[in-house]
Amino acid sequence: MEKDKGELMLVSGFGALQGMDNLQPSDYINYLAAVTARSSKIVYPQLHVSISCKGQSHSKQQLTEIAAEWMKGMGYGSQPYIVVFHNDTANAHVHIVSTRIDRSGKKINDSFEKLKAYQVLGRIMAQDPAEQFTKDITEALAYNFSTRPQFAMLMEAKGYRLEMKGADYRLYKFGHMLGKVPLRDVDNRIAGYEKNKPRTSQLRAIVERYRLIHSGEVFPVSRPLPGGTAGPAFTYSSKLSEVLQQKFGLQVLYHGAPGKPPYGFSVIDHKEKMVLKGKELMDIRELISPVAGWTEELQQTELYPPIAGLDEPVTDSSHLDIWLAEPEVMPEPTWTAEAPQDQYDQSGQAPILSALEDLRLDISGDVDDEQILGPTRRRKRKARTNTR
């Protein structure tokens, strides 16, 4: 707020403190500390939540109302908390700061917190998981894809985990299996695949153009662990991939083993509803290698004038984003970075290292915007790791 990047939207549960004038941040901190001090058994007593939306799809007032309803649904409605709106990143978002200790010195029940967080937000947004599942499947099967792993990529990009069992894909989300998709439905869609050569050429031109002004060098992104520490790197991203997503709806998914450079990539074109193998555009080494003469100052320079039909922005359907600190338990992948390219294409598995998730809600001991919402600000020449 001191840097004019945040706006205090709501103060709740602070009692007589709320009736005082000229309050300082330290006043709220001291009040929260006094409540928290009633129990010394809780290792991580701070509740810090971030709720964000796609772009500017929700106003600051709407996000504040959602935050207040979410706190009630999670059992924190009577707790002292503040809501601060941030507008200094690509995605509008609010932060909620509170304490997990109530006034009697007991910890607020956080059993199955991750699952409950999704359920509460879903109720607020009137989203029926079963109905949303049907919608997501219908949308995915409308895309033009050529392999089963590409279908898996589409669903994983929507936040699902897939498991092939018998003649079906089983899809999991929010800790539950939400439904099945017959493999024959996926195979029927594959049988109707048609390669869109004009669009592929256009995408190649887009990537070639923007890699000259935005670095394609990848950096690891870690899923945060409880208590605010960083877990192992589970995905990669780059400034180039972020710009392609924001400007054109092109989602770049890197393939490889965590901790090793990616050996391949795929692209989901949400505008034209198609999935491409990265090698149809360029070699992965060319994509992620620094461009000769590239500097961060060039990010502010458009090297070419706009091209008709090339620079049309993509508007995606709006939804709230959720990210939880605790990583999901995922099966160990059977692939490695040394796996041959055709093994990925035929395996029926999709070793995706995606930096994008559909639903995000942050619950953490400490939260940093650049680590949650992506490095959308100019880089500060620091190590490209998530240190939260």
Protein backbone atom coordinates (compact mmCIF):
# COMPACT_ATOMS: atom_id res chain seq x y z
CA MET A 1 0.00 0.00 0.00
CA GLU A 2 2.91 2.32 0.72
CA LYS A 3 4.06 1.72 -2.87
CA ASP A 4 0.56 2.44 -4.20
CA LYS A 5 0.20 -1.16 -5.41
CA GLY A 6 -2.45 -2.23 -2.91
CA GLU A 7 -5.75 -0.92 -1.57
CA LEU A 8 -7.28 -1.83 1.79
CA MET A 9 -10.76 -3.09 0.95
CA LEU A 10 -12.11 -4.66 4.14
CA VAL A 11 -11.32 -4.78 7.86
CA SER A 12 -13.39 -7.27 9.85
CA GLY A 13 -13.39 -8.66 13.38
CA PHE A 14 -10.99 -6.16 14.95
CA GLY A 15 -13.53 -4.89 17.47
CA ALA A 16 -12.98 -1.40 18.89
CA LEU A 17 -9.86 -1.00 16.78
CA GLN A 18 -12.04 -0.48 13.70
CA GLY A 19 -13.54 2.66 15.25
CA MET A 20 -10.20 4.41 15.58
CA ASP A 21 -8.77 6.91 13.11
CA ASN A 22 -5.32 7.04 11.51
CA LEU A 23 -4.52 3.40 12.07
CA GLN A 24 -1.13 2.09 10.98
CA PRO A 25 -0.26 -1.39 9.65
CA SER A 26 1.46 -2.05 12.98
CA ASP A 27 -1.90 -1.63 14.77
CA TYR A 28 -3.42 -4.51 12.82
CA ILE A 29 -0.27 -6.58 13.21
CA ASN A 30 -0.23 -6.08 16.98
CA TYR A 31 -3.90 -7.00 17.28
CA LEU A 32 -3.40 -10.21 15.27
CA ALA A 33 -0.29 -11.00 17.30
CA ALA A 34 -2.21 -10.57 20.56
CA VAL A 35 -4.93 -12.99 19.45
CA THR A 36 -2.35 -15.46 18.13
CA ALA A 37 -0.38 -15.32 21.39
CA ARG A 38 -3.25 -17.12 23.17
CA SER A 39 -1.77 -20.36 21.85
CA SER A 40 1.90 -21.23 21.53
CA LYS A 41 1.34 -24.75 20.19
CA ILE A 42 0.63 -23.82 16.57
CA VAL A 43 3.79 -23.68 14.47
CA TYR A 44 2.27 -21.70 11.58
CA PRO A 45 -0.51 -19.56 13.06
CA GLN A 46 -0.78 -17.04 10.22
CA LEU A 47 -3.53 -17.42 7.65
CA HIS A 48 -2.54 -15.77 4.36
CA VAL A 49 -4.79 -16.35 1.37
CA SER A 50 -4.75 -14.99 -2.15
CA ILE A 51 -7.76 -15.19 -4.47
CA SER A 52 -7.16 -14.16 -8.08
CA CYS A 53 -9.12 -14.07 -11.32
CA LYS A 54 -8.22 -14.27 -14.98
CA GLY A 55 -7.02 -10.84 -15.99
CA GLN A 56 -9.48 -8.20 -14.83
CA SER A 57 -12.60 -10.37 -15.13
CA HIS A 58 -13.71 -9.50 -11.57
CA SER A 59 -13.74 -6.05 -9.97
CA LYS A 60 -12.04 -5.32 -6.67
CA GLN A 61 -15.48 -5.10 -5.00
CA GLN A 62 -16.50 -8.49 -6.38
CA LEU A 63 -13.26 -10.10 -5.24
CA THR A 64 -13.68 -8.57 -1.79
CA GLU A 65 -17.22 -9.94 -1.47
CA ILE A 66 -16.00 -13.37 -2.56
CA ALA A 67 -13.17 -13.20 -0.01
CA ALA A 68 -15.58 -12.35 2.82
CA GLU A 69 -17.95 -15.17 1.88
CA TRP A 70 -15.04 -17.58 1.59
CA MET A 71 -13.84 -16.70 5.09
CA LYS A 72 -17.31 -17.40 6.47
CA GLY A 73 -17.52 -20.72 4.67
CA MET A 74 -14.11 -21.78 5.97
CA GLY A 75 -15.01 -20.97 9.59
CA TYR A 76 -13.03 -17.73 9.81
CA GLY A 77 -16.00 -15.35 9.60
CA SER A 78 -15.64 -14.08 13.18
CA GLN A 79 -11.83 -13.92 13.07
CA PRO A 80 -10.02 -10.59 12.71
CA TYR A 81 -8.90 -10.26 9.10
CA ILE A 82 -8.10 -7.71 6.43
CA VAL A 83 -8.56 -7.86 2.66
CA VAL A 84 -6.16 -5.96 0.40
CA PHE A 85 -6.66 -5.59 -3.36
CA HIS A 86 -3.64 -5.72 -5.68
CA ASN A 87 -3.60 -4.45 -9.24
CA ASP A 88 0.12 -4.57 -10.02
CA THR A 89 0.09 -7.93 -11.82
CA ALA A 90 -1.67 -9.25 -14.92
CA ASN A 91 -4.32 -10.94 -12.77
CA ALA A 92 -6.40 -8.85 -10.37
CA HIS A 93 -6.35 -10.40 -6.91
CA VAL A 94 -6.95 -9.87 -3.22
CA HIS A 95 -4.95 -10.97 -0.21
CA ILE A 96 -6.59 -12.05 3.04
CA VAL A 97 -4.54 -11.92 6.23
CA SER A 98 -5.78 -13.41 9.50
CA THR A 99 -4.83 -15.79 12.30
CA ARG A 100 -5.65 -19.47 12.69
CA ILE A 101 -6.09 -19.01 16.47
CA ASP A 102 -9.49 -17.93 17.78
CA ARG A 103 -10.09 -15.76 20.84
CA SER A 104 -10.36 -18.79 23.12
CA GLY A 105 -6.87 -19.89 22.13
CA LYS A 106 -8.05 -22.79 19.96
CA LYS A 107 -7.01 -23.43 16.39
CA ILE A 108 -9.67 -23.04 13.69
CA ASN A 109 -10.46 -26.48 12.29
CA ASP A 110 -8.39 -26.97 9.14
CA SER A 111 -9.13 -30.64 8.47
CA PHE A 112 -9.25 -31.37 4.74
CA GLU A 113 -8.55 -27.67 4.20
CA LYS A 114 -7.62 -28.05 0.55
CA LEU A 115 -10.75 -29.94 -0.40
CA LYS A 116 -12.95 -27.67 1.69
CA ALA A 117 -11.40 -24.57 0.12
CA TYR A 118 -12.45 -25.74 -3.35
CA GLN A 119 -15.90 -26.73 -2.17
CA VAL A 120 -16.56 -23.40 -0.45
CA LEU A 121 -15.38 -21.38 -3.43
CA GLY A 122 -17.44 -23.59 -5.72
CA ARG A 123 -20.58 -22.89 -3.68
CA ILE A 124 -19.87 -19.16 -3.73
CA MET A 125 -19.52 -19.20 -7.48
CA ALA A 126 -22.51 -21.55 -7.79
CA GLN A 127 -20.31 -24.06 -9.60
CA ASP A 128 -21.49 -27.66 -9.57
CA PRO A 129 -18.37 -29.88 -9.94
CA ALA A 130 -20.32 -32.52 -11.88
CA GLU A 131 -21.78 -29.90 -14.20
CA GLN A 132 -18.37 -28.29 -14.67
CA PHE A 133 -16.84 -31.70 -15.40
CA THR A 134 -19.34 -32.31 -18.19
CA LYS A 135 -18.64 -28.86 -19.60
CA ASP A 136 -14.86 -29.37 -19.47
CA ILE A 137 -15.08 -32.74 -21.25
CA THR A 138 -17.30 -31.28 -23.97
CA GLU A 139 -14.88 -28.40 -24.50
CA ALA A 140 -11.82 -30.69 -24.61
CA LEU A 141 -13.40 -33.05 -27.15
CA ALA A 142 -14.14 -30.05 -29.38
CA TYR A 143 -10.39 -29.41 -29.78
CA ASN A 144 -8.40 -30.72 -32.73
CA PHE A 145 -5.80 -33.17 -31.35
CA SER A 146 -3.95 -36.15 -32.79
CA THR A 147 -2.93 -38.33 -29.80
CA ARG A 148 -4.29 -39.50 -26.48
CA PRO A 149 -1.55 -37.65 -24.57
CA GLN A 150 -2.73 -34.43 -26.20
CA PHE A 151 -6.24 -35.01 -24.87
CA ALA A 152 -4.67 -35.66 -21.46
CA MET A 153 -2.83 -32.34 -21.75
CA LEU A 154 -6.12 -30.52 -22.36
CA MET A 155 -7.69 -31.98 -19.24
CA GLU A 156 -4.58 -31.48 -17.09
CA ALA A 157 -4.52 -27.85 -18.21
CA LYS A 158 -8.02 -27.62 -16.69
CA GLY A 159 -6.71 -28.97 -13.40
CA TYR A 160 -7.63 -32.65 -13.72
CA ARG A 161 -5.49 -35.70 -13.02
CA LEU A 162 -6.02 -38.60 -15.40
CA GLU A 163 -5.68 -42.33 -14.88
CA MET A 164 -6.20 -44.87 -17.65
CA LYS A 165 -8.16 -47.85 -16.37
CA GLY A 166 -9.58 -50.45 -18.73
CA ALA A 167 -11.49 -48.76 -21.54
CA ASP A 168 -11.78 -45.41 -19.79
CA TYR A 169 -9.91 -42.39 -18.58
CA ARG A 170 -10.71 -41.69 -14.94
CA LEU A 171 -10.51 -38.01 -14.08
CA TYR A 172 -9.77 -36.66 -10.60
CA LYS A 173 -10.08 -33.17 -9.17
CA PHE A 174 -10.52 -31.72 -5.68
CA GLY A 175 -9.36 -35.06 -4.28
CA HIS A 176 -12.21 -37.03 -5.86
CA MET A 177 -12.89 -38.92 -9.06
CA LEU A 178 -15.40 -36.74 -10.89
CA GLY A 179 -16.09 -39.01 -13.84
CA LYS A 180 -14.91 -41.17 -16.70
CA VAL A 181 -14.32 -40.64 -20.40
CA PRO A 182 -14.47 -43.68 -22.70
CA LEU A 183 -11.26 -44.09 -24.69
CA ARG A 184 -13.38 -44.69 -27.78
CA ASP A 185 -14.68 -41.10 -27.53
CA VAL A 186 -11.10 -39.82 -27.46
CA ASP A 187 -10.06 -42.12 -30.32
CA ASN A 188 -13.05 -41.06 -32.42
CA ARG A 189 -11.98 -37.45 -32.04
CA ILE A 190 -8.40 -38.39 -32.99
CA ALA A 191 -9.71 -40.13 -36.12
CA GLY A 192 -11.21 -36.82 -37.23
CA TYR A 193 -7.96 -34.89 -36.76
CA GLU A 194 -7.15 -32.41 -39.51
CA LYS A 195 -3.86 -30.56 -39.62
CA ASN A 196 -4.35 -26.81 -39.93
CA LYS A 197 -1.29 -25.82 -41.95
CA PRO A 198 -2.15 -22.10 -42.32
CA ARG A 199 -2.62 -21.72 -38.56
CA THR A 200 0.55 -23.68 -37.85
CA SER A 201 2.52 -21.33 -40.10
CA GLN A 202 0.94 -18.35 -38.36
CA LEU A 203 1.86 -19.69 -34.93
CA ARG A 204 5.42 -20.30 -36.06
CA ALA A 205 5.59 -16.66 -37.15
CA ILE A 206 4.21 -15.53 -33.80
CA VAL A 207 6.77 -17.53 -31.83
CA GLU A 208 9.64 -16.45 -34.09
CA ARG A 209 8.66 -12.82 -33.71
CA TYR A 210 8.12 -12.72 -29.94
CA ARG A 211 11.17 -14.77 -29.00
CA LEU A 212 13.22 -11.81 -30.32
CA ILE A 213 11.77 -9.49 -27.68
CA HIS A 214 10.90 -11.88 -24.82
CA SER A 215 13.34 -14.42 -23.43
CA GLY A 216 12.53 -18.08 -24.05
CA GLU A 217 14.97 -19.18 -21.34
CA VAL A 218 13.09 -21.49 -18.97
CA PHE A 219 13.09 -21.19 -15.19
CA PRO A 220 11.79 -23.74 -12.69
CA VAL A 221 8.60 -23.17 -10.74
CA SER A 222 8.12 -25.00 -7.44
CA ARG A 223 4.90 -25.99 -5.75
CA PRO A 224 5.01 -24.50 -2.22
CA LEU A 225 5.00 -26.77 0.81
CA PRO A 226 3.21 -26.21 4.13
CA GLY A 227 4.85 -23.54 6.24
CA GLY A 228 5.94 -21.42 3.32
CA THR A 229 8.97 -23.43 2.18
CA ALA A 230 9.55 -24.28 -1.46
CA GLY A 231 9.05 -27.79 -2.71
CA PRO A 232 11.00 -29.37 -5.59
CA ALA A 233 10.60 -27.84 -9.03
CA PHE A 234 7.63 -29.44 -10.77
CA THR A 235 7.27 -27.26 -13.83
CA TYR A 236 8.96 -24.76 -16.07
CA SER A 237 7.95 -21.42 -17.48
CA SER A 238 9.54 -18.55 -19.40
CA LYS A 239 8.82 -14.93 -20.09
CA LEU A 240 8.07 -15.88 -23.70
CA SER A 241 5.52 -18.54 -22.74
CA GLU A 242 3.81 -16.11 -20.35
CA VAL A 243 3.48 -13.48 -23.09
CA LEU A 244 2.17 -16.03 -25.61
CA GLN A 245 -0.47 -17.14 -23.10
CA GLN A 246 -1.56 -13.63 -22.16
CA LYS A 247 -1.54 -12.15 -25.65
CA PHE A 248 -2.61 -15.05 -27.88
CA GLY A 249 -4.04 -17.79 -25.66
CA LEU A 250 -1.13 -20.08 -26.60
CA GLN A 251 -0.34 -22.37 -23.69
CA VAL A 252 3.18 -23.80 -23.80
CA LEU A 253 3.63 -27.09 -21.94
CA TYR A 254 7.19 -28.29 -21.40
CA HIS A 255 8.06 -32.02 -21.27
CA GLY A 256 10.86 -33.35 -19.12
CA ALA A 257 11.92 -34.57 -15.71
CA PRO A 258 11.81 -32.07 -12.81
CA GLY A 259 15.27 -30.67 -12.19
CA LYS A 260 16.44 -31.31 -15.75
CA PRO A 261 16.09 -29.12 -18.84
CA PRO A 262 12.94 -29.89 -20.84
CA TYR A 263 13.49 -32.13 -23.87
CA GLY A 264 10.32 -31.15 -25.71
CA PHE A 265 7.16 -29.08 -25.61
CA SER A 266 3.59 -28.88 -26.85
CA VAL A 267 1.33 -25.93 -27.56
CA ILE A 268 -2.39 -25.63 -26.87
CA ASP A 269 -3.94 -23.02 -29.15
CA HIS A 270 -7.07 -22.00 -27.25
CA LYS A 271 -8.12 -19.53 -29.92
CA GLU A 272 -8.35 -22.07 -32.74
CA LYS A 273 -8.96 -25.03 -30.39
CA MET A 274 -6.06 -27.19 -31.49
CA VAL A 275 -3.05 -28.95 -29.96
CA LEU A 276 0.34 -28.98 -31.64
CA LYS A 277 3.55 -30.90 -31.07
CA GLY A 278 6.23 -28.34 -30.38
CA LYS A 279 8.51 -29.71 -33.09
CA GLU A 280 5.91 -28.55 -35.65
CA LEU A 281 6.90 -25.01 -34.70
CA MET A 282 10.60 -25.28 -33.80
CA ASP A 283 13.14 -27.39 -31.96
CA ILE A 284 13.00 -27.08 -28.17
CA ARG A 285 16.68 -26.04 -28.11
CA GLU A 286 15.90 -23.14 -30.41
CA LEU A 287 12.87 -22.13 -28.32
CA ILE A 288 14.68 -21.96 -24.99
CA SER A 289 18.12 -20.77 -26.17
CA PRO A 290 18.96 -17.09 -25.65
CA VAL A 291 18.69 -15.01 -28.80
CA ALA A 292 21.92 -13.29 -29.82
CA GLY A 293 21.80 -9.62 -28.89
CA TRP A 294 18.71 -10.06 -26.69
CA THR A 295 18.50 -7.78 -23.65
CA GLU A 296 15.73 -7.09 -21.16
CA GLU A 297 15.48 -3.56 -22.54
CA LEU A 298 14.19 -5.06 -25.79
CA GLN A 299 11.11 -6.23 -23.91
CA GLN A 300 9.92 -2.65 -24.03
CA THR A 301 10.48 -2.43 -27.80
CA GLU A 302 8.17 -3.69 -30.54
CA LEU A 303 10.54 -4.62 -33.37
CA TYR A 304 7.80 -4.80 -35.94
CA PRO A 305 4.48 -3.03 -36.56
CA PRO A 306 1.28 -5.01 -35.80
CA ILE A 307 0.37 -7.62 -38.40
CA ALA A 308 -3.28 -7.97 -39.35
CA GLY A 309 -4.72 -11.17 -37.94
CA LEU A 310 -1.55 -11.90 -35.98
CA ASP A 311 -1.82 -9.63 -32.97
CA GLU A 312 -5.47 -10.15 -32.09
CA PRO A 313 -5.73 -10.73 -28.33
CA VAL A 314 -7.56 -13.74 -27.02
CA THR A 315 -10.29 -13.43 -24.41
CA ASP A 316 -10.77 -16.56 -22.39
CA SER A 317 -13.70 -17.51 -20.20
CA SER A 318 -13.28 -15.98 -16.74
CA HIS A 319 -12.99 -18.00 -13.58
CA LEU A 320 -11.35 -17.68 -10.23
CA ASP A 321 -7.91 -19.08 -9.68
CA ILE A 322 -6.97 -21.30 -6.77
CA TRP A 323 -3.60 -22.61 -5.65
CA LEU A 324 -3.02 -24.43 -2.37
CA ALA A 325 0.26 -24.75 -0.55
CA GLU A 326 0.12 -28.51 -0.05
CA PRO A 327 1.12 -30.51 -3.15
CA GLU A 328 -1.16 -33.25 -4.40
CA VAL A 329 0.14 -36.78 -4.11
CA MET A 330 0.98 -37.76 -7.67
CA PRO A 331 2.26 -41.13 -8.91
CA GLU A 332 5.94 -41.21 -9.79
CA PRO A 333 6.35 -40.67 -13.54
CA THR A 334 7.77 -43.56 -15.54
CA TRP A 335 9.34 -41.29 -18.15
CA THR A 336 12.71 -39.60 -18.00
CA ALA A 337 14.31 -36.67 -19.73
CA GLU A 338 16.32 -39.14 -21.81
CA ALA A 339 13.21 -40.86 -23.18
CA PRO A 340 13.06 -40.81 -26.99
CA GLN A 341 10.56 -38.47 -28.57
CA ASP A 342 8.31 -41.19 -29.97
CA GLN A 343 8.02 -42.84 -26.53
CA TYR A 344 6.11 -39.80 -25.32
CA ASP A 345 3.88 -39.83 -28.39
CA GLN A 346 2.91 -43.50 -28.00
CA SER A 347 2.93 -44.02 -24.25
CA GLY A 348 -0.58 -42.84 -23.50
CA GLN A 349 0.89 -40.65 -20.77
CA ALA A 350 1.55 -36.94 -20.88
CA PRO A 351 4.67 -35.87 -18.97
CA ILE A 352 3.61 -32.24 -18.75
CA LEU A 353 5.45 -29.57 -16.83
CA SER A 354 2.81 -26.86 -17.07
CA ALA A 355 3.14 -23.51 -15.34
CA LEU A 356 -0.55 -22.74 -15.71
CA GLU A 357 -3.50 -24.01 -13.70
CA ASP A 358 -7.15 -23.22 -14.12
CA LEU A 359 -8.16 -22.84 -10.48
CA ARG A 360 -6.01 -21.11 -7.91
CA LEU A 361 -6.44 -20.18 -4.29
CA ASP A 362 -3.37 -19.59 -2.18
CA ILE A 363 -3.27 -20.69 1.44
CA SER A 364 0.21 -20.28 2.82
CA GLY A 365 2.25 -19.15 5.76
CA ASP A 366 3.63 -16.41 3.56
CA VAL A 367 2.75 -15.38 0.04
CA ASP A 368 4.68 -13.45 -2.57
CA ASP A 369 2.93 -12.17 -5.67
CA GLU A 370 5.69 -13.04 -8.10
CA GLN A 371 5.82 -16.60 -6.83
CA ILE A 372 2.06 -17.10 -6.86
CA LEU A 373 0.91 -15.24 -9.92
CA GLY A 374 4.03 -15.75 -12.00
CA PRO A 375 6.99 -13.46 -12.63
CA THR A 376 4.93 -10.85 -14.46
CA ARG A 377 7.09 -7.94 -13.40
CA ARG A 378 10.49 -7.15 -14.84
CA ARG A 379 13.06 -9.61 -13.54
CA LYS A 380 15.45 -8.51 -10.84
CA ARG A 381 18.45 -10.63 -11.96
CA LYS A 382 17.92 -13.11 -9.13
CA ALA A 383 18.07 -16.87 -9.20
CA ARG A 384 15.05 -18.17 -11.08
CA THR A 385 13.67 -20.41 -8.40
CA ASN A 386 10.61 -20.27 -6.22
CA THR A 387 11.81 -19.55 -2.69
CA ARG A 388 8.45 -19.45 -0.91
